[in-house]
Amino acid sequence: MKNTGMWICRIILGLVGIILLVQGFMWSFLPESNLAINDIVANSTLGLNMIKSDIGGPLMAGGLMLILYAIKWKEFYLPLMIFVSGYLIVRIVSFFADGSHPTIIMGIILEAVVLVLIVVLNNLRKKAS
């Protein structure tokens, strides 16, 4: 059962990592569709650069860390906990400060589930070794 649980966690975290990596790529190199979908306007070169680097870069980095953690690299446990917790904290603060939106709620749930899966996979790895 431990191995099954470990594989389920690894597969889910790996898939989330791939999604984040693709989203990061889209925000970084093809931002126009994401800007339109999310009702974000970048009126200047600086604004577009900030969106690409401040949204796309961290999403690609987080996605890559999740993939590497899911594959084998246990060293990414703490950086991932900090990274995902940061996103979750900011999203919760924004929820209360700025109001609700279905995408915000979905993000809160996804980030909380990812945090739980990271901890579960870490605990399963400790028990297996």
Protein backbone atom coordinates (compact mmCIF):
# COMPACT_ATOMS: atom_id res chain seq x y z
CA MET A 1 0.00 0.00 0.00
CA LYS A 2 2.87 2.38 0.78
CA ASN A 3 4.25 2.00 -2.73
CA THR A 4 0.81 2.57 -4.26
CA GLY A 5 0.31 5.73 -2.24
CA MET A 6 3.79 6.91 -3.12
CA TRP A 7 3.18 6.34 -6.83
CA ILE A 8 -0.18 8.13 -6.70
CA CYS A 9 1.43 11.15 -5.02
CA ARG A 10 4.33 11.13 -7.47
CA ILE A 11 2.04 10.93 -10.51
CA ILE A 12 -0.29 13.69 -9.30
CA LEU A 13 2.58 15.99 -8.30
CA GLY A 14 4.35 15.27 -11.58
CA LEU A 15 1.21 16.12 -13.56
CA VAL A 16 0.72 19.35 -11.60
CA GLY A 17 4.37 20.14 -12.24
CA ILE A 18 3.90 19.63 -15.98
CA ILE A 19 0.83 21.89 -15.94
CA LEU A 20 2.76 24.59 -14.07
CA LEU A 21 5.69 24.26 -16.45
CA VAL A 22 3.39 24.64 -19.48
CA GLN A 23 1.55 27.57 -17.87
CA GLY A 24 4.86 29.22 -17.05
CA PHE A 25 5.95 28.76 -20.65
CA MET A 26 2.67 30.25 -21.88
CA TRP A 27 2.94 33.27 -19.55
CA SER A 28 6.58 33.80 -20.48
CA PHE A 29 6.56 33.31 -24.23
CA LEU A 30 2.92 33.51 -25.38
CA PRO A 31 1.25 35.81 -22.84
CA GLU A 32 -1.43 37.35 -25.06
CA SER A 33 -4.00 34.58 -24.64
CA ASN A 34 -3.48 34.36 -20.86
CA LEU A 35 -3.75 38.14 -20.57
CA ALA A 36 -7.09 38.10 -22.41
CA ILE A 37 -8.46 35.09 -20.50
CA ASN A 38 -7.53 36.59 -17.12
CA ASP A 39 -8.61 40.14 -18.00
CA ILE A 40 -5.11 41.55 -17.44
CA VAL A 41 -3.85 44.54 -19.42
CA ALA A 42 -0.19 45.29 -20.03
CA ASN A 43 0.07 48.75 -21.58
CA SER A 44 3.84 49.03 -21.75
CA THR A 45 6.99 47.06 -22.44
CA LEU A 46 7.76 47.13 -18.71
CA GLY A 47 4.29 45.81 -17.86
CA LEU A 48 4.60 42.96 -20.34
CA ASN A 49 8.10 42.14 -19.09
CA MET A 50 6.88 42.12 -15.47
CA ILE A 51 4.06 39.74 -16.35
CA LYS A 52 6.36 37.41 -18.26
CA SER A 53 9.09 37.33 -15.63
CA ASP A 54 7.03 37.64 -12.42
CA ILE A 55 4.35 35.14 -13.43
CA GLY A 56 5.95 32.92 -16.06
CA GLY A 57 9.36 32.49 -14.46
CA PRO A 58 8.15 31.36 -11.02
CA LEU A 59 5.56 29.03 -12.55
CA MET A 60 8.20 27.35 -14.71
CA ALA A 61 10.59 27.06 -11.76
CA GLY A 62 7.89 25.69 -9.45
CA GLY A 63 6.72 23.23 -12.09
CA LEU A 64 10.25 21.98 -12.66
CA MET A 65 10.85 21.61 -8.90
CA LEU A 66 7.60 19.63 -8.53
CA ILE A 67 8.56 17.32 -11.39
CA LEU A 68 12.05 16.75 -9.97
CA TYR A 69 10.64 16.18 -6.47
CA ALA A 70 8.09 13.71 -7.81
CA ILE A 71 10.76 11.82 -9.74
CA LYS A 72 13.26 11.36 -6.93
CA TRP A 73 14.95 14.51 -5.66
CA LYS A 74 13.96 14.75 -1.99
CA GLU A 75 16.08 17.91 -1.59
CA PHE A 76 13.26 19.95 -3.11
CA TYR A 77 10.93 19.26 -0.14
CA LEU A 78 11.63 22.46 1.81
CA PRO A 79 11.92 24.79 -1.22
CA LEU A 80 8.61 23.44 -2.54
CA MET A 81 6.91 23.88 0.83
CA ILE A 82 8.07 27.50 0.93
CA PHE A 83 7.20 28.12 -2.73
CA VAL A 84 3.68 26.64 -2.64
CA SER A 85 2.97 28.12 0.82
CA GLY A 86 3.90 31.55 -0.51
CA TYR A 87 1.42 31.22 -3.36
CA LEU A 88 -1.26 29.91 -1.00
CA ILE A 89 -0.77 32.68 1.58
CA VAL A 90 -0.91 35.43 -1.04
CA ARG A 91 -3.99 33.89 -2.66
CA ILE A 92 -5.81 33.64 0.71
CA VAL A 93 -4.90 37.23 1.61
CA SER A 94 -6.11 38.36 -1.82
CA PHE A 95 -9.34 36.38 -1.35
CA PHE A 96 -10.15 38.32 1.83
CA ALA A 97 -8.73 41.67 0.71
CA ASP A 98 -9.94 41.77 -2.89
CA GLY A 99 -12.95 39.48 -2.98
CA SER A 100 -13.88 36.08 -4.30
CA HIS A 101 -13.64 34.63 -7.78
CA PRO A 102 -14.02 30.98 -8.87
CA THR A 103 -10.43 30.91 -10.16
CA ILE A 104 -9.14 32.15 -6.79
CA ILE A 105 -11.06 29.44 -4.93
CA MET A 106 -9.81 26.78 -7.35
CA GLY A 107 -6.24 28.03 -6.82
CA ILE A 108 -6.58 27.89 -3.03
CA ILE A 109 -7.85 24.31 -3.20
CA LEU A 110 -5.17 23.21 -5.68
CA GLU A 111 -2.34 24.77 -3.68
CA ALA A 112 -3.61 23.24 -0.42
CA VAL A 113 -3.89 19.80 -2.05
CA VAL A 114 -0.38 20.12 -3.51
CA LEU A 115 1.00 21.03 -0.07
CA VAL A 116 -0.69 17.99 1.48
CA LEU A 117 0.61 15.70 -1.28
CA ILE A 118 4.16 17.04 -0.86
CA VAL A 119 4.01 16.24 2.87
CA VAL A 120 2.41 12.83 2.30
CA LEU A 121 5.04 11.87 -0.29
CA ASN A 122 7.81 13.03 2.05
CA ASN A 123 6.39 10.91 4.89
CA LEU A 124 5.96 7.86 2.64
CA ARG A 125 9.55 8.20 1.45
CA LYS A 126 10.78 8.35 5.05
CA LYS A 127 8.84 5.20 5.96
CA ALA A 128 10.08 3.36 2.87
CA SER A 129 13.74 4.07 3.60
